[in-house]
PDB file of all heavy atoms in Angstrom:
ATOM      1  N   GLU A   1      51.425  -3.324 -13.748  1.00  0.00           N
ATOM      2  CA  GLU A   1      51.654  -3.016 -15.159  1.00  0.00           C
ATOM      3  C   GLU A   1      52.266  -1.630 -15.333  1.00  0.00           C
ATOM      4  O   GLU A   1      53.107  -1.423 -16.219  1.00  0.00           O
ATOM      5  CB  GLU A   1      50.337  -3.133 -15.926  1.00  0.00           C
ATOM      6  CG  GLU A   1      49.830  -4.557 -16.019  1.00  0.00           C
ATOM      7  CD  GLU A   1      48.582  -4.690 -16.866  1.00  0.00           C
ATOM      8  OE1 GLU A   1      47.956  -3.673 -17.187  1.00  0.00           O
ATOM      9  OE2 GLU A   1      48.260  -5.842 -17.220  1.00  0.00           O
ATOM     10  N   THR A   2      51.856  -0.681 -14.513  1.00  0.00           N
ATOM     11  CA  THR A   2      52.449   0.659 -14.585  1.00  0.00           C
ATOM     12  C   THR A   2      53.925   0.604 -14.248  1.00  0.00           C
ATOM     13  O   THR A   2      54.760   1.241 -14.908  1.00  0.00           O
ATOM     14  CB  THR A   2      51.723   1.618 -13.619  1.00  0.00           C
ATOM     15  OG1 THR A   2      50.343   1.701 -13.983  1.00  0.00           O
ATOM     16  CG2 THR A   2      52.328   3.018 -13.695  1.00  0.00           C
ATOM     17  N   ALA A   3      54.284  -0.174 -13.232  1.00  0.00           N
ATOM     18  CA  ALA A   3      55.690  -0.326 -12.864  1.00  0.00           C
ATOM     19  C   ALA A   3      56.482  -0.946 -14.010  1.00  0.00           C
ATOM     20  O   ALA A   3      57.625  -0.557 -14.281  1.00  0.00           O
ATOM     21  CB  ALA A   3      55.821  -1.187 -11.606  1.00  0.00           C
ATOM     22  N   GLY A   4      55.859  -1.907 -14.719  1.00  0.00           N
ATOM     23  CA  GLY A   4      56.529  -2.535 -15.856  1.00  0.00           C
ATOM     24  C   GLY A   4      56.786  -1.547 -16.983  1.00  0.00           C
ATOM     25  O   GLY A   4      57.854  -1.556 -17.605  1.00  0.00           O
ATOM     26  N   VAL A   5      55.796  -0.701 -17.270  1.00  0.00           N
ATOM     27  CA  VAL A   5      55.944   0.303 -18.336  1.00  0.00           C
ATOM     28  C   VAL A   5      57.017   1.314 -17.956  1.00  0.00           C
ATOM     29  O   VAL A   5      57.833   1.729 -18.791  1.00  0.00           O
ATOM     30  CB  VAL A   5      54.601   1.010 -18.597  1.00  0.00           C
ATOM     31  CG1 VAL A   5      54.780   2.189 -19.548  1.00  0.00           C
ATOM     32  CG2 VAL A   5      53.602   0.029 -19.190  1.00  0.00           C
ATOM     33  N   MET A   6      57.020   1.733 -16.693  1.00  0.00           N
ATOM     34  CA  MET A   6      58.034   2.694 -16.239  1.00  0.00           C
ATOM     35  C   MET A   6      59.430   2.074 -16.288  1.00  0.00           C
ATOM     36  O   MET A   6      60.418   2.753 -16.612  1.00  0.00           O
ATOM     37  CB  MET A   6      57.696   3.173 -14.833  1.00  0.00           C
ATOM     38  CG  MET A   6      56.409   3.995 -14.774  1.00  0.00           C
ATOM     39  SD  MET A   6      55.904   4.425 -13.084  1.00  0.00           S
ATOM     40  CE  MET A   6      57.163   5.639 -12.671  1.00  0.00           C
ATOM     41  N   ALA A   7      59.518   0.774 -15.999  1.00  0.00           N
ATOM     42  CA  ALA A   7      60.811   0.091 -16.071  1.00  0.00           C
ATOM     43  C   ALA A   7      61.304   0.030 -17.514  1.00  0.00           C
ATOM     44  O   ALA A   7      62.503   0.170 -17.783  1.00  0.00           O
ATOM     45  CB  ALA A   7      60.702  -1.320 -15.491  1.00  0.00           C
ATOM     46  N   GLU A   8      60.384  -0.177 -18.452  1.00  0.00           N
ATOM     47  CA  GLU A   8      60.752  -0.204 -19.863  1.00  0.00           C
ATOM     48  C   GLU A   8      61.263   1.155 -20.316  1.00  0.00           C
ATOM     49  O   GLU A   8      62.218   1.245 -21.096  1.00  0.00           O
ATOM     50  CB  GLU A   8      59.551  -0.618 -20.715  1.00  0.00           C
ATOM     51  CG  GLU A   8      59.798  -0.631 -22.218  1.00  0.00           C
ATOM     52  CD  GLU A   8      60.868  -1.626 -22.637  1.00  0.00           C
ATOM     53  OE1 GLU A   8      61.245  -2.500 -21.831  1.00  0.00           O
ATOM     54  OE2 GLU A   8      61.346  -1.519 -23.781  1.00  0.00           O
ATOM     55  N   GLU A   9      60.654   2.227 -19.803  1.00  0.00           N
ATOM     56  CA  GLU A   9      61.138   3.575 -20.116  1.00  0.00           C
ATOM     57  C   GLU A   9      62.578   3.742 -19.628  1.00  0.00           C
ATOM     58  O   GLU A   9      63.437   4.277 -20.350  1.00  0.00           O
ATOM     59  CB  GLU A   9      60.240   4.617 -19.468  1.00  0.00           C
ATOM     60  CG  GLU A   9      60.713   6.048 -19.697  1.00  0.00           C
ATOM     61  CD  GLU A   9      59.987   7.053 -18.827  1.00  0.00           C
ATOM     62  OE1 GLU A   9      59.379   6.647 -17.823  1.00  0.00           O
ATOM     63  OE2 GLU A   9      60.031   8.248 -19.146  1.00  0.00           O
ATOM     64  N   THR A  10      62.851   3.286 -18.409  1.00  0.00           N
ATOM     65  CA  THR A  10      64.195   3.391 -17.851  1.00  0.00           C
ATOM     66  C   THR A  10      65.198   2.577 -18.667  1.00  0.00           C
ATOM     67  O   THR A  10      66.327   3.020 -18.928  1.00  0.00           O
ATOM     68  CB  THR A  10      64.201   2.904 -16.389  1.00  0.00           C
ATOM     69  OG1 THR A  10      63.288   3.698 -15.630  1.00  0.00           O
ATOM     70  CG2 THR A  10      65.587   3.012 -15.780  1.00  0.00           C
ATOM     71  N   ARG A  11      64.784   1.382 -19.084  1.00  0.00           N
ATOM     72  CA  ARG A  11      65.678   0.515 -19.867  1.00  0.00           C
ATOM     73  C   ARG A  11      66.034   1.157 -21.207  1.00  0.00           C
ATOM     74  O   ARG A  11      67.210   1.185 -21.598  1.00  0.00           O
ATOM     75  CB  ARG A  11      65.011  -0.842 -20.105  1.00  0.00           C
ATOM     76  CG  ARG A  11      65.921  -1.862 -20.768  1.00  0.00           C
ATOM     77  CD  ARG A  11      65.156  -3.135 -21.102  1.00  0.00           C
ATOM     78  NE  ARG A  11      64.260  -2.922 -22.219  1.00  0.00           N
ATOM     79  CZ  ARG A  11      64.636  -3.007 -23.500  1.00  0.00           C
ATOM     80  NH1 ARG A  11      65.902  -3.289 -23.805  1.00  0.00           N
ATOM     81  NH2 ARG A  11      63.765  -2.814 -24.466  1.00  0.00           N
ATOM     82  N   THR A  12      65.038   1.680 -21.929  1.00  0.00           N
ATOM     83  CA  THR A  12      65.320   2.286 -23.230  1.00  0.00           C
ATOM     84  C   THR A  12      66.154   3.554 -23.081  1.00  0.00           C
ATOM     85  O   THR A  12      66.999   3.845 -23.921  1.00  0.00           O
ATOM     86  CB  THR A  12      64.011   2.615 -23.974  1.00  0.00           C
ATOM     87  OG1 THR A  12      63.153   3.409 -23.139  1.00  0.00           O
ATOM     88  CG2 THR A  12      63.278   1.343 -24.363  1.00  0.00           C
ATOM     89  N   LYS A  13      65.952   4.309 -21.988  1.00  0.00           N
ATOM     90  CA  LYS A  13      66.766   5.498 -21.758  1.00  0.00           C
ATOM     91  C   LYS A  13      68.229   5.087 -21.520  1.00  0.00           C
ATOM     92  O   LYS A  13      69.154   5.759 -21.996  1.00  0.00           O
ATOM     93  CB  LYS A  13      66.234   6.247 -20.537  1.00  0.00           C
ATOM     94  CG  LYS A  13      67.017   7.531 -20.191  1.00  0.00           C
ATOM     95  CD  LYS A  13      66.973   8.537 -21.330  1.00  0.00           C
ATOM     96  CE  LYS A  13      67.452   9.912 -20.903  1.00  0.00           C
ATOM     97  NZ  LYS A  13      68.846   9.921 -20.448  1.00  0.00           N
ATOM     98  N   ARG A  14      68.417   3.984 -20.818  1.00  0.00           N
ATOM     99  CA  ARG A  14      69.775   3.502 -20.563  1.00  0.00           C
ATOM    100  C   ARG A  14      70.459   3.094 -21.869  1.00  0.00           C
ATOM    101  O   ARG A  14      71.650   3.352 -22.064  1.00  0.00           O
ATOM    102  CB  ARG A  14      69.721   2.326 -19.591  1.00  0.00           C
ATOM    103  CG  ARG A  14      71.085   1.855 -19.116  1.00  0.00           C
ATOM    104  CD  ARG A  14      70.980   1.013 -17.863  1.00  0.00           C
ATOM    105  NE  ARG A  14      70.035  -0.076 -17.999  1.00  0.00           N
ATOM    106  CZ  ARG A  14      68.893  -0.174 -17.305  1.00  0.00           C
ATOM    107  NH1 ARG A  14      68.558   0.744 -16.426  1.00  0.00           N
ATOM    108  NH2 ARG A  14      68.090  -1.205 -17.491  1.00  0.00           N
ATOM    109  N   LEU A  15      69.683   2.481 -22.789  1.00  0.00           N
ATOM    110  CA  LEU A  15      70.232   2.104 -24.085  1.00  0.00           C
ATOM    111  C   LEU A  15      70.612   3.324 -24.911  1.00  0.00           C
ATOM    112  O   LEU A  15      71.638   3.333 -25.598  1.00  0.00           O
ATOM    113  CB  LEU A  15      69.222   1.250 -24.858  1.00  0.00           C
ATOM    114  CG  LEU A  15      68.952  -0.150 -24.305  1.00  0.00           C
ATOM    115  CD1 LEU A  15      67.848  -0.827 -25.089  1.00  0.00           C
ATOM    116  CD2 LEU A  15      70.222  -0.993 -24.347  1.00  0.00           C
ATOM    117  N   VAL A  16      69.762   4.361 -24.858  1.00  0.00           N
ATOM    118  CA  VAL A  16      70.059   5.607 -25.580  1.00  0.00           C
ATOM    119  C   VAL A  16      71.352   6.225 -25.059  1.00  0.00           C
ATOM    120  O   VAL A  16      72.211   6.663 -25.840  1.00  0.00           O
ATOM    121  CB  VAL A  16      68.889   6.607 -25.445  1.00  0.00           C
ATOM    122  CG1 VAL A  16      69.294   7.995 -25.944  1.00  0.00           C
ATOM    123  CG2 VAL A  16      67.679   6.115 -26.239  1.00  0.00           C
ATOM    124  N   ASP A  17      71.513   6.288 -23.746  1.00  0.00           N
ATOM    125  CA  ASP A  17      72.714   6.866 -23.150  1.00  0.00           C
ATOM    126  C   ASP A  17      73.965   6.058 -23.503  1.00  0.00           C
ATOM    127  O   ASP A  17      75.031   6.626 -23.784  1.00  0.00           O
ATOM    128  CB  ASP A  17      72.563   6.948 -21.627  1.00  0.00           C
ATOM    129  CG  ASP A  17      71.493   7.950 -21.212  1.00  0.00           C
ATOM    130  OD1 ASP A  17      71.140   8.814 -22.038  1.00  0.00           O
ATOM    131  OD2 ASP A  17      71.017   7.875 -20.066  1.00  0.00           O
ATOM    132  N   ALA A  18      73.833   4.726 -23.490  1.00  0.00           N
ATOM    133  CA  ALA A  18      74.967   3.871 -23.825  1.00  0.00           C
ATOM    134  C   ALA A  18      75.365   4.066 -25.286  1.00  0.00           C
ATOM    135  O   ALA A  18      76.553   4.089 -25.632  1.00  0.00           O
ATOM    136  CB  ALA A  18      74.625   2.408 -23.561  1.00  0.00           C
ATOM    137  N   ASN A  19      74.380   4.204 -26.158  1.00  0.00           N
ATOM    138  CA  ASN A  19      74.638   4.433 -27.581  1.00  0.00           C
ATOM    139  C   ASN A  19      75.398   5.742 -27.794  1.00  0.00           C
ATOM    140  O   ASN A  19      76.352   5.810 -28.575  1.00  0.00           O
ATOM    141  CB  ASN A  19      73.319   4.441 -28.353  1.00  0.00           C
ATOM    142  CG  ASN A  19      73.503   4.737 -29.821  1.00  0.00           C
ATOM    143  OD1 ASN A  19      73.362   5.890 -30.251  1.00  0.00           O
ATOM    144  ND2 ASN A  19      73.797   3.718 -30.613  1.00  0.00           N
ATOM    145  N   LYS A  20      74.977   6.792 -27.090  1.00  0.00           N
ATOM    146  CA  LYS A  20      75.655   8.085 -27.210  1.00  0.00           C
ATOM    147  C   LYS A  20      77.110   7.978 -26.756  1.00  0.00           C
ATOM    148  O   LYS A  20      78.012   8.557 -27.368  1.00  0.00           O
ATOM    149  CB  LYS A  20      74.926   9.133 -26.386  1.00  0.00           C
ATOM    150  CG  LYS A  20      73.595   9.569 -26.973  1.00  0.00           C
ATOM    151  CD  LYS A  20      72.937  10.627 -26.095  1.00  0.00           C
ATOM    152  CE  LYS A  20      71.599  11.066 -26.686  1.00  0.00           C
ATOM    153  NZ  LYS A  20      70.920  12.061 -25.824  1.00  0.00           N
ATOM    154  N   ALA A  21      77.341   7.230 -25.692  1.00  0.00           N
ATOM    155  CA  ALA A  21      78.699   7.056 -25.184  1.00  0.00           C
ATOM    156  C   ALA A  21      79.566   6.319 -26.201  1.00  0.00           C
ATOM    157  O   ALA A  21      80.748   6.659 -26.394  1.00  0.00           O
ATOM    158  CB  ALA A  21      78.673   6.283 -23.863  1.00  0.00           C
ATOM    159  N   GLU A  22      79.014   5.305 -26.860  1.00  0.00           N
ATOM    160  CA  GLU A  22      79.747   4.569 -27.883  1.00  0.00           C
ATOM    161  C   GLU A  22      80.101   5.462 -29.069  1.00  0.00           C
ATOM    162  O   GLU A  22      81.199   5.395 -29.612  1.00  0.00           O
ATOM    163  CB  GLU A  22      78.916   3.375 -28.353  1.00  0.00           C
ATOM    164  CG  GLU A  22      78.883   2.207 -27.378  1.00  0.00           C
ATOM    165  CD  GLU A  22      80.213   1.485 -27.319  1.00  0.00           C
ATOM    166  OE1 GLU A  22      80.515   0.741 -28.245  1.00  0.00           O
ATOM    167  OE2 GLU A  22      80.936   1.707 -26.333  1.00  0.00           O
ATOM    168  N   ILE A  23      79.155   6.310 -29.478  1.00  0.00           N
ATOM    169  CA  ILE A  23      79.400   7.237 -30.590  1.00  0.00           C
ATOM    170  C   ILE A  23      80.560   8.167 -30.252  1.00  0.00           C
ATOM    171  O   ILE A  23      81.461   8.389 -31.071  1.00  0.00           O
ATOM    172  CB  ILE A  23      78.129   8.048 -30.902  1.00  0.00           C
ATOM    173  CG1 ILE A  23      77.066   7.138 -31.538  1.00  0.00           C
ATOM    174  CG2 ILE A  23      78.440   9.220 -31.837  1.00  0.00           C
ATOM    175  CD1 ILE A  23      75.714   7.782 -31.689  1.00  0.00           C
ATOM    176  N   GLU A  24      80.550   8.695 -29.058  1.00  0.00           N
ATOM    177  CA  GLU A  24      81.632   9.587 -28.635  1.00  0.00           C
ATOM    178  C   GLU A  24      82.977   8.840 -28.581  1.00  0.00           C
ATOM    179  O   GLU A  24      84.029   9.399 -28.912  1.00  0.00           O
ATOM    180  CB  GLU A  24      81.301  10.182 -27.271  1.00  0.00           C
ATOM    181  CG  GLU A  24      80.123  11.148 -27.302  1.00  0.00           C
ATOM    182  CD  GLU A  24      79.682  11.581 -25.906  1.00  0.00           C
ATOM    183  OE1 GLU A  24      80.317  11.148 -24.920  1.00  0.00           O
ATOM    184  OE2 GLU A  24      78.707  12.335 -25.824  1.00  0.00           O
ATOM    185  N   LYS A  25      82.936   7.578 -28.180  1.00  0.00           N
ATOM    186  CA  LYS A  25      84.168   6.784 -28.096  1.00  0.00           C
ATOM    187  C   LYS A  25      84.799   6.619 -29.476  1.00  0.00           C
ATOM    188  O   LYS A  25      86.009   6.812 -29.636  1.00  0.00           O
ATOM    189  CB  LYS A  25      83.857   5.414 -27.488  1.00  0.00           C
ATOM    190  CG  LYS A  25      85.103   4.528 -27.350  1.00  0.00           C
ATOM    191  CD  LYS A  25      84.752   3.164 -26.795  1.00  0.00           C
ATOM    192  CE  LYS A  25      84.114   2.291 -27.871  1.00  0.00           C
ATOM    193  NZ  LYS A  25      83.903   0.900 -27.396  1.00  0.00           N
ATOM    194  N   TYR A  26      83.980   6.250 -30.488  1.00  0.00           N
ATOM    195  CA  TYR A  26      84.541   6.020 -31.821  1.00  0.00           C
ATOM    196  C   TYR A  26      84.949   7.325 -32.501  1.00  0.00           C
ATOM    197  O   TYR A  26      85.853   7.330 -33.342  1.00  0.00           O
ATOM    198  CB  TYR A  26      83.550   5.228 -32.675  1.00  0.00           C
ATOM    199  CG  TYR A  26      83.558   3.766 -32.317  1.00  0.00           C
ATOM    200  CD1 TYR A  26      82.538   3.210 -31.553  1.00  0.00           C
ATOM    201  CD2 TYR A  26      84.616   2.944 -32.700  1.00  0.00           C
ATOM    202  CE1 TYR A  26      82.568   1.869 -31.193  1.00  0.00           C
ATOM    203  CE2 TYR A  26      84.648   1.606 -32.346  1.00  0.00           C
ATOM    204  CZ  TYR A  26      83.622   1.076 -31.596  1.00  0.00           C
ATOM    205  OH  TYR A  26      83.665  -0.247 -31.239  1.00  0.00           O
ATOM    206  N   GLU A  27      84.296   8.419 -32.163  1.00  0.00           N
ATOM    207  CA  GLU A  27      84.740   9.734 -32.632  1.00  0.00           C
ATOM    208  C   GLU A  27      86.153  10.005 -32.110  1.00  0.00           C
ATOM    209  O   GLU A  27      87.044  10.463 -32.848  1.00  0.00           O
ATOM    210  CB  GLU A  27      83.778  10.812 -32.131  1.00  0.00           C
ATOM    211  CG  GLU A  27      84.251  12.245 -32.347  1.00  0.00           C
ATOM    212  CD  GLU A  27      83.756  12.844 -33.649  1.00  0.00           C
ATOM    213  OE1 GLU A  27      82.941  12.190 -34.318  1.00  0.00           O
ATOM    214  OE2 GLU A  27      84.198  13.938 -33.988  1.00  0.00           O
ATOM    215  N   SER A  28      86.374   9.719 -30.827  1.00  0.00           N
ATOM    216  CA  SER A  28      87.684   9.934 -30.216  1.00  0.00           C
ATOM    217  C   SER A  28      88.737   9.018 -30.827  1.00  0.00           C
ATOM    218  O   SER A  28      89.874   9.429 -31.099  1.00  0.00           O
ATOM    219  CB  SER A  28      87.597   9.709 -28.705  1.00  0.00           C
ATOM    220  OG  SER A  28      88.869   9.822 -28.105  1.00  0.00           O
ATOM    221  N   LEU A  29      88.362   7.756 -31.085  1.00  0.00           N
ATOM    222  CA  LEU A  29      89.304   6.813 -31.682  1.00  0.00           C
ATOM    223  C   LEU A  29      89.702   7.228 -33.093  1.00  0.00           C
ATOM    224  O   LEU A  29      90.850   7.060 -33.511  1.00  0.00           O
ATOM    225  CB  LEU A  29      88.702   5.409 -31.687  1.00  0.00           C
ATOM    226  CG  LEU A  29      88.614   4.715 -30.324  1.00  0.00           C
ATOM    227  CD1 LEU A  29      87.810   3.424 -30.432  1.00  0.00           C
ATOM    228  CD2 LEU A  29      90.016   4.418 -29.782  1.00  0.00           C
ATOM    229  N   ALA A  30      88.725   7.764 -33.845  1.00  0.00           N
ATOM    230  CA  ALA A  30      89.032   8.223 -35.203  1.00  0.00           C
ATOM    231  C   ALA A  30      90.038   9.361 -35.172  1.00  0.00           C
ATOM    232  O   ALA A  30      90.960   9.427 -36.003  1.00  0.00           O
ATOM    233  CB  ALA A  30      87.743   8.662 -35.897  1.00  0.00           C
ATOM    234  N   LYS A  31      89.887  10.258 -34.220  1.00  0.00           N
ATOM    235  CA  LYS A  31      90.843  11.367 -34.081  1.00  0.00           C
ATOM    236  C   LYS A  31      92.240  10.844 -33.749  1.00  0.00           C
ATOM    237  O   LYS A  31      93.244  11.312 -34.308  1.00  0.00           O
ATOM    238  CB  LYS A  31      90.371  12.326 -32.992  1.00  0.00           C
ATOM    239  CG  LYS A  31      89.140  13.143 -33.371  1.00  0.00           C
ATOM    240  CD  LYS A  31      88.745  14.081 -32.235  1.00  0.00           C
ATOM    241  CE  LYS A  31      87.545  14.927 -32.621  1.00  0.00           C
ATOM    242  NZ  LYS A  31      87.139  15.837 -31.528  1.00  0.00           N
ATOM    243  N   LYS A  32      92.300   9.878 -32.832  1.00  0.00           N
ATOM    244  CA  LYS A  32      93.592   9.305 -32.465  1.00  0.00           C
ATOM    245  C   LYS A  32      94.257   8.621 -33.657  1.00  0.00           C
ATOM    246  O   LYS A  32      95.477   8.707 -33.843  1.00  0.00           O
ATOM    247  CB  LYS A  32      93.415   8.311 -31.317  1.00  0.00           C
ATOM    248  CG  LYS A  32      93.064   8.956 -29.992  1.00  0.00           C
ATOM    249  CD  LYS A  32      92.892   7.893 -28.903  1.00  0.00           C
ATOM    250  CE  LYS A  32      92.535   8.550 -27.569  1.00  0.00           C
ATOM    251  NZ  LYS A  32      92.339   7.526 -26.492  1.00  0.00           N
ATOM    252  N   ALA A  33      93.457   7.918 -34.476  1.00  0.00           N
ATOM    253  CA  ALA A  33      93.991   7.236 -35.647  1.00  0.00           C
ATOM    254  C   ALA A  33      94.566   8.240 -36.643  1.00  0.00           C
ATOM    255  O   ALA A  33      95.616   8.018 -37.243  1.00  0.00           O
ATOM    256  CB  ALA A  33      92.909   6.388 -36.299  1.00  0.00           C
ATOM    257  N   LEU A  34      93.867   9.348 -36.836  1.00  0.00           N
ATOM    258  CA  LEU A  34      94.346  10.374 -37.752  1.00  0.00           C
ATOM    259  C   LEU A  34      95.651  10.993 -37.244  1.00  0.00           C
ATOM    260  O   LEU A  34      96.576  11.255 -38.019  1.00  0.00           O
ATOM    261  CB  LEU A  34      93.286  11.459 -37.943  1.00  0.00           C
ATOM    262  CG  LEU A  34      92.106  11.086 -38.853  1.00  0.00           C
ATOM    263  CD1 LEU A  34      91.074  12.195 -38.857  1.00  0.00           C
ATOM    264  CD2 LEU A  34      92.576  10.790 -40.264  1.00  0.00           C
TER     265      LEU A  34
END
């Protein structure tokens, strides 16, 4: 169960990092559009 909880922590951290990358991508696209 501890391994499962630690795996869930890793999964949510990966989602947070992916979200940040997407935000930066659309910021860059908006600049290019302008």
